[in-house]
């Protein structure tokens, strides 16, 4: 997930360099939507409400790790592209 988020943000920056009228934020956000752990977070809440606290906590932690990987990957891609220019 981290590597894919890095590739997407770096690629979005490349597209933005060739097509300056494109919106960089929209490119990155639209490409990141499939990586957002919405289902994992929803399942964590559902498990917790059903009384399965251990599974709910594990799924919530999984969702947080995935979200963190996406954030770090995008940050690294933006930072590396800024350094290369």
N, C-alpha and C. Protein backbone atom coordinates (compact mmCIF):
# COMPACT_ATOMS: atom_id res chain seq x y z
N UNK A 1 0.83 -1.19 0.00
CA UNK A 1 0.00 0.00 0.00
C UNK A 1 0.87 1.24 0.00
N UNK A 2 1.93 1.22 0.78
CA UNK A 2 2.83 2.36 0.84
C UNK A 2 3.50 2.59 -0.51
N UNK A 3 3.97 1.54 -1.12
CA UNK A 3 4.65 1.66 -2.42
C UNK A 3 3.67 2.12 -3.50
N UNK A 4 2.45 1.58 -3.47
CA UNK A 4 1.46 1.98 -4.45
C UNK A 4 1.06 3.45 -4.28
N UNK A 5 0.91 3.89 -3.04
CA UNK A 5 0.59 5.30 -2.79
C UNK A 5 1.73 6.19 -3.26
N UNK A 6 2.96 5.75 -3.05
CA UNK A 6 4.12 6.51 -3.53
C UNK A 6 4.09 6.61 -5.05
N UNK A 7 3.85 5.51 -5.72
CA UNK A 7 3.82 5.51 -7.18
C UNK A 7 2.71 6.39 -7.73
N UNK A 8 1.56 6.36 -7.08
CA UNK A 8 0.44 7.17 -7.55
C UNK A 8 0.75 8.65 -7.40
N UNK A 9 1.28 9.04 -6.25
CA UNK A 9 1.55 10.47 -6.06
C UNK A 9 2.69 10.95 -6.95
N UNK A 10 3.69 10.13 -7.13
CA UNK A 10 4.80 10.50 -8.03
C UNK A 10 4.30 10.60 -9.47
N UNK A 11 3.47 9.63 -9.88
CA UNK A 11 2.91 9.66 -11.23
C UNK A 11 1.99 10.84 -11.45
N UNK A 12 1.21 11.19 -10.43
CA UNK A 12 0.34 12.36 -10.55
C UNK A 12 1.16 13.63 -10.72
N UNK A 13 2.28 13.71 -10.04
CA UNK A 13 3.17 14.86 -10.22
C UNK A 13 3.74 14.91 -11.63
N UNK A 14 4.09 13.76 -12.17
CA UNK A 14 4.59 13.72 -13.55
C UNK A 14 3.52 14.17 -14.53
N UNK A 15 2.29 13.70 -14.35
CA UNK A 15 1.19 14.12 -15.22
C UNK A 15 0.98 15.62 -15.10
N UNK A 16 1.07 16.12 -13.89
CA UNK A 16 0.88 17.56 -13.68
C UNK A 16 1.99 18.37 -14.35
N UNK A 17 3.19 17.83 -14.44
CA UNK A 17 4.28 18.54 -15.12
C UNK A 17 4.04 18.61 -16.63
N UNK A 18 3.48 17.54 -17.23
CA UNK A 18 3.23 17.52 -18.66
C UNK A 18 1.95 18.26 -19.03
N UNK A 19 0.98 18.26 -18.12
CA UNK A 19 -0.30 18.95 -18.34
C UNK A 19 -0.53 19.91 -17.18
N UNK A 20 0.03 21.12 -17.24
CA UNK A 20 -0.02 22.04 -16.10
C UNK A 20 -1.42 22.50 -15.72
N UNK A 21 -2.38 22.40 -16.62
CA UNK A 21 -3.74 22.81 -16.29
C UNK A 21 -4.49 21.77 -15.46
N UNK A 22 -3.92 20.58 -15.33
CA UNK A 22 -4.57 19.55 -14.52
C UNK A 22 -4.44 19.91 -13.04
N UNK A 23 -5.42 19.48 -12.27
CA UNK A 23 -5.45 19.75 -10.84
C UNK A 23 -4.73 18.62 -10.11
N UNK A 24 -3.58 18.92 -9.51
CA UNK A 24 -2.76 17.89 -8.86
C UNK A 24 -3.50 17.26 -7.70
N UNK A 25 -4.17 18.07 -6.89
CA UNK A 25 -4.90 17.53 -5.74
C UNK A 25 -6.00 16.56 -6.17
N UNK A 26 -6.72 16.92 -7.22
CA UNK A 26 -7.79 16.05 -7.70
C UNK A 26 -7.23 14.74 -8.26
N UNK A 27 -6.09 14.82 -8.94
CA UNK A 27 -5.46 13.61 -9.46
C UNK A 27 -5.08 12.65 -8.34
N UNK A 28 -4.48 13.18 -7.29
CA UNK A 28 -4.02 12.34 -6.20
C UNK A 28 -5.21 11.77 -5.42
N UNK A 29 -6.16 12.62 -5.09
CA UNK A 29 -7.31 12.15 -4.30
C UNK A 29 -8.12 11.12 -5.06
N UNK A 30 -8.36 11.35 -6.34
CA UNK A 30 -9.14 10.40 -7.13
C UNK A 30 -8.42 9.06 -7.28
N UNK A 31 -7.11 9.10 -7.35
CA UNK A 31 -6.35 7.85 -7.49
C UNK A 31 -6.23 7.11 -6.17
N UNK A 32 -6.31 7.81 -5.06
CA UNK A 32 -6.15 7.19 -3.74
C UNK A 32 -7.44 6.57 -3.20
N UNK A 33 -8.57 6.90 -3.76
CA UNK A 33 -9.84 6.44 -3.20
C UNK A 33 -9.94 4.91 -3.07
N UNK A 34 -9.44 4.12 -4.03
CA UNK A 34 -9.52 2.66 -3.83
C UNK A 34 -8.64 2.15 -2.68
N UNK A 35 -7.66 2.94 -2.26
CA UNK A 35 -6.77 2.50 -1.18
C UNK A 35 -7.30 2.84 0.21
N UNK A 36 -8.33 3.67 0.30
CA UNK A 36 -8.86 4.10 1.60
C UNK A 36 -9.52 2.91 2.28
N UNK A 37 -9.18 2.66 3.55
CA UNK A 37 -9.69 1.46 4.24
C UNK A 37 -11.09 1.65 4.84
N UNK A 38 -12.04 2.07 4.05
CA UNK A 38 -13.39 2.30 4.55
C UNK A 38 -14.09 1.03 5.01
N UNK A 39 -13.96 -0.02 4.25
CA UNK A 39 -14.61 -1.28 4.62
C UNK A 39 -14.00 -1.88 5.88
N UNK A 40 -12.69 -1.81 6.01
CA UNK A 40 -12.04 -2.35 7.20
C UNK A 40 -12.47 -1.58 8.45
N UNK A 41 -12.60 -0.26 8.33
CA UNK A 41 -13.02 0.55 9.47
C UNK A 41 -14.48 0.27 9.82
N UNK A 42 -15.33 0.12 8.80
CA UNK A 42 -16.74 -0.21 9.03
C UNK A 42 -16.88 -1.57 9.71
N UNK A 43 -16.11 -2.55 9.27
CA UNK A 43 -16.16 -3.87 9.89
C UNK A 43 -15.65 -3.83 11.33
N UNK A 44 -14.69 -2.97 11.61
CA UNK A 44 -14.19 -2.82 12.98
C UNK A 44 -15.29 -2.29 13.90
N UNK A 45 -16.01 -1.31 13.43
CA UNK A 45 -17.11 -0.76 14.23
C UNK A 45 -18.21 -1.80 14.41
N UNK A 46 -18.53 -2.51 13.35
CA UNK A 46 -19.58 -3.54 13.43
C UNK A 46 -19.20 -4.64 14.41
N UNK A 47 -17.95 -5.11 14.34
CA UNK A 47 -17.51 -6.15 15.27
C UNK A 47 -17.55 -5.67 16.71
N UNK A 48 -17.17 -4.43 16.93
CA UNK A 48 -17.19 -3.88 18.29
C UNK A 48 -18.62 -3.78 18.80
N UNK A 49 -19.55 -3.34 17.96
CA UNK A 49 -20.94 -3.24 18.38
C UNK A 49 -21.58 -4.60 18.64
N UNK A 50 -21.12 -5.63 17.96
CA UNK A 50 -21.62 -6.98 18.19
C UNK A 50 -20.99 -7.63 19.41
N UNK A 51 -20.08 -6.94 20.07
CA UNK A 51 -19.47 -7.46 21.29
C UNK A 51 -18.16 -8.19 21.09
N UNK A 52 -17.68 -8.28 19.87
CA UNK A 52 -16.41 -8.95 19.61
C UNK A 52 -15.30 -7.90 19.64
N UNK A 53 -14.88 -7.56 20.85
CA UNK A 53 -13.96 -6.44 21.05
C UNK A 53 -12.56 -6.71 20.51
N UNK A 54 -12.10 -7.94 20.62
CA UNK A 54 -10.76 -8.26 20.14
C UNK A 54 -10.68 -8.13 18.61
N UNK A 55 -11.68 -8.67 17.92
CA UNK A 55 -11.70 -8.56 16.46
C UNK A 55 -11.90 -7.12 16.02
N UNK A 56 -12.73 -6.38 16.74
CA UNK A 56 -12.94 -4.98 16.41
C UNK A 56 -11.68 -4.16 16.56
N UNK A 57 -10.94 -4.41 17.63
CA UNK A 57 -9.69 -3.69 17.84
C UNK A 57 -8.66 -4.06 16.78
N UNK A 58 -8.61 -5.33 16.41
CA UNK A 58 -7.65 -5.77 15.39
C UNK A 58 -7.98 -5.14 14.03
N UNK A 59 -9.25 -5.10 13.69
CA UNK A 59 -9.64 -4.50 12.40
C UNK A 59 -9.42 -2.98 12.41
N UNK A 60 -9.67 -2.35 13.55
CA UNK A 60 -9.43 -0.90 13.66
C UNK A 60 -7.94 -0.60 13.51
N UNK A 61 -7.10 -1.43 14.13
CA UNK A 61 -5.66 -1.24 13.99
C UNK A 61 -5.22 -1.47 12.55
N UNK A 62 -5.81 -2.46 11.90
CA UNK A 62 -5.50 -2.71 10.49
C UNK A 62 -5.87 -1.50 9.63
N UNK A 63 -7.04 -0.92 9.88
CA UNK A 63 -7.46 0.25 9.12
C UNK A 63 -6.53 1.44 9.37
N UNK A 64 -6.09 1.60 10.60
CA UNK A 64 -5.17 2.70 10.90
C UNK A 64 -3.80 2.50 10.24
N UNK A 65 -3.33 1.27 10.22
CA UNK A 65 -2.04 0.99 9.57
C UNK A 65 -2.13 1.25 8.07
N UNK A 66 -3.23 0.83 7.45
CA UNK A 66 -3.40 1.06 6.02
C UNK A 66 -3.49 2.55 5.72
N UNK A 67 -4.26 3.28 6.52
CA UNK A 67 -4.39 4.73 6.32
C UNK A 67 -3.05 5.42 6.52
N UNK A 68 -2.27 4.97 7.49
CA UNK A 68 -0.95 5.55 7.72
C UNK A 68 -0.01 5.26 6.54
N UNK A 69 -0.08 4.05 6.01
CA UNK A 69 0.76 3.70 4.86
C UNK A 69 0.41 4.56 3.65
N UNK A 70 -0.88 4.81 3.44
CA UNK A 70 -1.29 5.66 2.33
C UNK A 70 -0.76 7.08 2.54
N UNK A 71 -0.89 7.59 3.74
CA UNK A 71 -0.43 8.96 4.02
C UNK A 71 1.08 9.08 3.86
N UNK A 72 1.83 8.12 4.37
CA UNK A 72 3.29 8.17 4.26
C UNK A 72 3.72 8.02 2.81
N UNK A 73 3.07 7.14 2.07
CA UNK A 73 3.41 6.95 0.66
C UNK A 73 3.18 8.21 -0.16
N UNK A 74 2.05 8.87 0.06
CA UNK A 74 1.77 10.11 -0.67
C UNK A 74 2.77 11.18 -0.26
N UNK A 75 3.05 11.27 1.02
CA UNK A 75 4.02 12.26 1.50
C UNK A 75 5.40 12.04 0.91
N UNK A 76 5.84 10.79 0.86
CA UNK A 76 7.15 10.50 0.27
C UNK A 76 7.18 10.82 -1.22
N UNK A 77 6.11 10.50 -1.91
CA UNK A 77 6.06 10.80 -3.34
C UNK A 77 6.10 12.28 -3.61
N UNK A 78 5.37 13.07 -2.84
CA UNK A 78 5.38 14.52 -3.02
C UNK A 78 6.74 15.11 -2.64
N UNK A 79 7.32 14.60 -1.55
CA UNK A 79 8.61 15.12 -1.10
C UNK A 79 9.72 14.77 -2.09
N UNK A 80 9.73 13.53 -2.57
CA UNK A 80 10.78 13.12 -3.50
C UNK A 80 10.66 13.88 -4.82
N UNK A 81 9.46 14.09 -5.28
CA UNK A 81 9.29 14.85 -6.53
C UNK A 81 9.74 16.28 -6.35
N UNK A 82 9.50 16.86 -5.17
CA UNK A 82 9.96 18.21 -4.90
C UNK A 82 11.47 18.30 -4.84
N UNK A 83 12.13 17.26 -4.33
CA UNK A 83 13.58 17.25 -4.25
C UNK A 83 14.19 17.08 -5.64
N UNK A 84 13.57 16.30 -6.49
CA UNK A 84 14.11 16.05 -7.82
C UNK A 84 13.99 17.25 -8.73
N UNK A 85 13.06 18.13 -8.46
CA UNK A 85 12.91 19.32 -9.32
C UNK A 85 13.83 20.37 -8.91
